[in-house]
């Protein structure tokens, strides 16, 4: 996923399973203005490979929150 920030802001990108549990944090800090790309490799925060299924990613800044669905195939 690619995220464009028009100004410096706190950004968090997290992956959740279908029960709502956070399985991976891809970003959680203040970023300068710019464009950033984040890739999820299908692992959890302990680098364990997660099973195929439906997951959700949340992108949150100081004034915006967006949640989208992602399907892990293998």
N, C-alpha and C. Protein backbone atom coordinates (compact mmCIF):
# COMPACT_ATOMS: atom_id res chain seq x y z
N UNK A 1 0.84 -1.17 0.00
CA UNK A 1 0.00 0.00 0.00
C UNK A 1 0.88 1.23 0.00
N UNK A 2 0.47 2.23 -0.71
CA UNK A 2 1.21 3.48 -0.80
C UNK A 2 0.38 4.59 -0.17
N UNK A 3 1.04 5.37 0.66
CA UNK A 3 0.36 6.43 1.40
C UNK A 3 1.09 7.74 1.15
N UNK A 4 0.35 8.76 0.74
CA UNK A 4 0.91 10.10 0.55
C UNK A 4 0.52 11.00 1.71
N UNK A 5 1.51 11.61 2.31
CA UNK A 5 1.25 12.53 3.43
C UNK A 5 1.54 13.96 2.99
N UNK A 6 0.54 14.84 3.06
CA UNK A 6 0.74 16.22 2.63
C UNK A 6 1.57 17.04 3.62
N UNK A 7 1.68 16.56 4.87
CA UNK A 7 2.48 17.25 5.88
C UNK A 7 2.97 16.22 6.89
N UNK A 8 3.89 16.62 7.72
CA UNK A 8 4.41 15.73 8.76
C UNK A 8 3.27 15.34 9.70
N UNK A 9 3.15 14.03 9.97
CA UNK A 9 2.05 13.54 10.80
C UNK A 9 2.39 12.19 11.41
N UNK A 10 1.71 11.86 12.47
CA UNK A 10 1.81 10.53 13.09
C UNK A 10 1.05 9.56 12.20
N UNK A 11 1.66 8.42 11.89
CA UNK A 11 1.05 7.44 11.01
C UNK A 11 1.17 6.06 11.64
N UNK A 12 0.06 5.34 11.69
CA UNK A 12 0.09 3.93 12.09
C UNK A 12 -0.56 3.10 10.99
N UNK A 13 0.06 1.97 10.71
CA UNK A 13 -0.47 1.00 9.76
C UNK A 13 -0.44 -0.34 10.46
N UNK A 14 -1.62 -0.93 10.67
CA UNK A 14 -1.72 -2.19 11.41
C UNK A 14 -2.55 -3.19 10.65
N UNK A 15 -2.21 -4.48 10.82
CA UNK A 15 -2.94 -5.59 10.22
C UNK A 15 -3.71 -6.29 11.34
N UNK A 16 -4.99 -6.57 11.09
CA UNK A 16 -5.85 -7.24 12.07
C UNK A 16 -6.38 -8.54 11.48
N UNK A 17 -6.62 -9.54 12.35
CA UNK A 17 -7.30 -10.74 11.88
C UNK A 17 -8.82 -10.52 11.98
N UNK A 18 -9.61 -11.53 11.61
CA UNK A 18 -11.07 -11.36 11.58
C UNK A 18 -11.68 -11.20 12.97
N UNK A 19 -10.94 -11.55 14.02
CA UNK A 19 -11.45 -11.37 15.38
C UNK A 19 -11.15 -9.97 15.91
N UNK A 20 -10.39 -9.17 15.15
CA UNK A 20 -10.05 -7.83 15.58
C UNK A 20 -8.72 -7.73 16.31
N UNK A 21 -7.99 -8.83 16.40
CA UNK A 21 -6.69 -8.84 17.06
C UNK A 21 -5.61 -8.28 16.13
N UNK A 22 -4.77 -7.39 16.67
CA UNK A 22 -3.65 -6.86 15.88
C UNK A 22 -2.64 -7.98 15.69
N UNK A 23 -2.31 -8.29 14.44
CA UNK A 23 -1.32 -9.33 14.18
C UNK A 23 0.02 -8.76 13.71
N UNK A 24 0.01 -7.55 13.14
CA UNK A 24 1.26 -6.95 12.64
C UNK A 24 1.13 -5.44 12.64
N UNK A 25 2.18 -4.78 13.11
CA UNK A 25 2.27 -3.32 13.03
C UNK A 25 3.34 -2.99 12.00
N UNK A 26 2.93 -2.34 10.91
CA UNK A 26 3.87 -1.99 9.85
C UNK A 26 4.48 -0.61 10.05
N UNK A 27 3.74 0.28 10.73
CA UNK A 27 4.24 1.64 10.97
C UNK A 27 3.58 2.17 12.24
N UNK A 28 4.37 2.92 12.99
CA UNK A 28 3.83 3.57 14.19
C UNK A 28 4.82 4.63 14.66
N UNK A 29 4.85 5.73 13.90
CA UNK A 29 5.75 6.83 14.24
C UNK A 29 5.34 8.07 13.43
N UNK A 30 6.04 9.15 13.65
CA UNK A 30 5.79 10.38 12.89
C UNK A 30 6.61 10.35 11.61
N UNK A 31 5.95 10.61 10.50
CA UNK A 31 6.59 10.64 9.19
C UNK A 31 6.55 12.06 8.64
N UNK A 32 7.59 12.43 7.90
CA UNK A 32 7.63 13.72 7.22
C UNK A 32 6.70 13.68 6.01
N UNK A 33 6.44 14.84 5.46
CA UNK A 33 5.65 14.95 4.23
C UNK A 33 6.31 14.08 3.15
N UNK A 34 5.49 13.35 2.38
CA UNK A 34 6.02 12.51 1.32
C UNK A 34 5.15 11.31 1.03
N UNK A 35 5.67 10.42 0.21
CA UNK A 35 4.96 9.22 -0.19
C UNK A 35 5.71 8.01 0.36
N UNK A 36 4.98 7.12 1.00
CA UNK A 36 5.57 5.95 1.65
C UNK A 36 4.86 4.69 1.19
N UNK A 37 5.62 3.61 1.02
CA UNK A 37 5.07 2.33 0.61
C UNK A 37 5.32 1.31 1.72
N UNK A 38 4.27 0.55 2.05
CA UNK A 38 4.35 -0.48 3.09
C UNK A 38 3.90 -1.80 2.48
N UNK A 39 4.67 -2.84 2.73
CA UNK A 39 4.34 -4.17 2.24
C UNK A 39 4.21 -5.12 3.42
N UNK A 40 3.19 -5.96 3.37
CA UNK A 40 3.00 -6.96 4.40
C UNK A 40 3.38 -8.32 3.82
N UNK A 41 4.25 -9.03 4.51
CA UNK A 41 4.76 -10.32 4.02
C UNK A 41 3.95 -11.52 4.53
N UNK A 42 2.81 -11.28 5.15
CA UNK A 42 1.95 -12.37 5.62
C UNK A 42 2.36 -12.96 6.95
N UNK A 43 3.23 -12.25 7.68
CA UNK A 43 3.66 -12.73 8.98
C UNK A 43 3.10 -11.85 10.08
N UNK A 44 3.17 -12.37 11.32
CA UNK A 44 2.75 -11.57 12.47
C UNK A 44 3.95 -10.81 13.03
N UNK A 45 3.74 -10.13 14.15
CA UNK A 45 4.83 -9.33 14.75
C UNK A 45 6.01 -10.18 15.24
N UNK A 46 5.80 -11.50 15.39
CA UNK A 46 6.88 -12.40 15.81
C UNK A 46 7.48 -13.14 14.62
N UNK A 47 7.14 -12.69 13.40
CA UNK A 47 7.59 -13.28 12.14
C UNK A 47 7.10 -14.70 11.91
N UNK A 48 5.99 -15.09 12.56
CA UNK A 48 5.34 -16.37 12.27
C UNK A 48 4.47 -16.22 11.04
N UNK A 49 4.54 -17.17 10.14
CA UNK A 49 3.72 -17.12 8.93
C UNK A 49 2.25 -17.35 9.31
N UNK A 50 1.37 -16.47 8.86
CA UNK A 50 -0.06 -16.59 9.17
C UNK A 50 -0.77 -17.43 8.12
N UNK A 51 -1.85 -18.10 8.50
CA UNK A 51 -2.57 -18.95 7.54
C UNK A 51 -3.34 -18.10 6.53
N UNK A 52 -3.70 -18.71 5.40
CA UNK A 52 -4.54 -17.99 4.44
C UNK A 52 -5.85 -17.56 5.09
N UNK A 53 -6.40 -16.46 4.64
CA UNK A 53 -7.68 -16.00 5.17
C UNK A 53 -7.89 -14.52 4.92
N UNK A 54 -8.89 -13.98 5.58
CA UNK A 54 -9.25 -12.57 5.45
C UNK A 54 -8.62 -11.80 6.61
N UNK A 55 -7.98 -10.70 6.27
CA UNK A 55 -7.38 -9.80 7.23
C UNK A 55 -7.82 -8.38 6.89
N UNK A 56 -7.57 -7.46 7.78
CA UNK A 56 -7.90 -6.05 7.56
C UNK A 56 -6.68 -5.21 7.87
N UNK A 57 -6.49 -4.14 7.10
CA UNK A 57 -5.43 -3.21 7.46
C UNK A 57 -6.04 -1.85 7.77
N UNK A 58 -5.46 -1.22 8.77
CA UNK A 58 -5.93 0.09 9.21
C UNK A 58 -4.81 1.10 9.01
N UNK A 59 -5.14 2.20 8.35
CA UNK A 59 -4.23 3.32 8.17
C UNK A 59 -4.80 4.47 8.98
N UNK A 60 -4.00 4.97 9.92
CA UNK A 60 -4.49 6.01 10.81
C UNK A 60 -3.47 7.13 10.91
N UNK A 61 -3.96 8.38 10.74
CA UNK A 61 -3.14 9.57 10.95
C UNK A 61 -3.80 10.40 12.04
N UNK A 62 -3.28 11.59 12.26
CA UNK A 62 -3.84 12.45 13.30
C UNK A 62 -5.33 12.73 13.11
N UNK A 63 -5.79 12.80 11.86
CA UNK A 63 -7.20 13.16 11.63
C UNK A 63 -7.94 12.23 10.67
N UNK A 64 -7.34 11.09 10.31
CA UNK A 64 -7.96 10.18 9.36
C UNK A 64 -7.79 8.73 9.82
N UNK A 65 -8.81 7.92 9.58
CA UNK A 65 -8.71 6.49 9.86
C UNK A 65 -9.43 5.74 8.74
N UNK A 66 -8.72 4.78 8.13
CA UNK A 66 -9.28 4.02 7.02
C UNK A 66 -9.01 2.54 7.26
N UNK A 67 -10.01 1.70 7.05
CA UNK A 67 -9.85 0.26 7.19
C UNK A 67 -10.26 -0.41 5.88
N UNK A 68 -9.41 -1.32 5.40
CA UNK A 68 -9.69 -2.05 4.16
C UNK A 68 -9.45 -3.54 4.39
N UNK A 69 -10.10 -4.34 3.57
CA UNK A 69 -9.96 -5.79 3.66
C UNK A 69 -8.86 -6.27 2.72
N UNK A 70 -8.13 -7.30 3.16
CA UNK A 70 -7.12 -7.94 2.32
C UNK A 70 -7.26 -9.45 2.48
N UNK A 71 -7.09 -10.18 1.39
CA UNK A 71 -7.21 -11.62 1.44
C UNK A 71 -5.83 -12.23 1.22
N UNK A 72 -5.40 -13.01 2.19
CA UNK A 72 -4.10 -13.71 2.09
C UNK A 72 -4.38 -15.09 1.50
N UNK A 73 -3.77 -15.38 0.36
CA UNK A 73 -4.05 -16.61 -0.35
C UNK A 73 -3.15 -17.77 0.05
N UNK A 74 -1.89 -17.49 0.41
CA UNK A 74 -1.00 -18.57 0.84
C UNK A 74 -0.08 -18.11 1.90
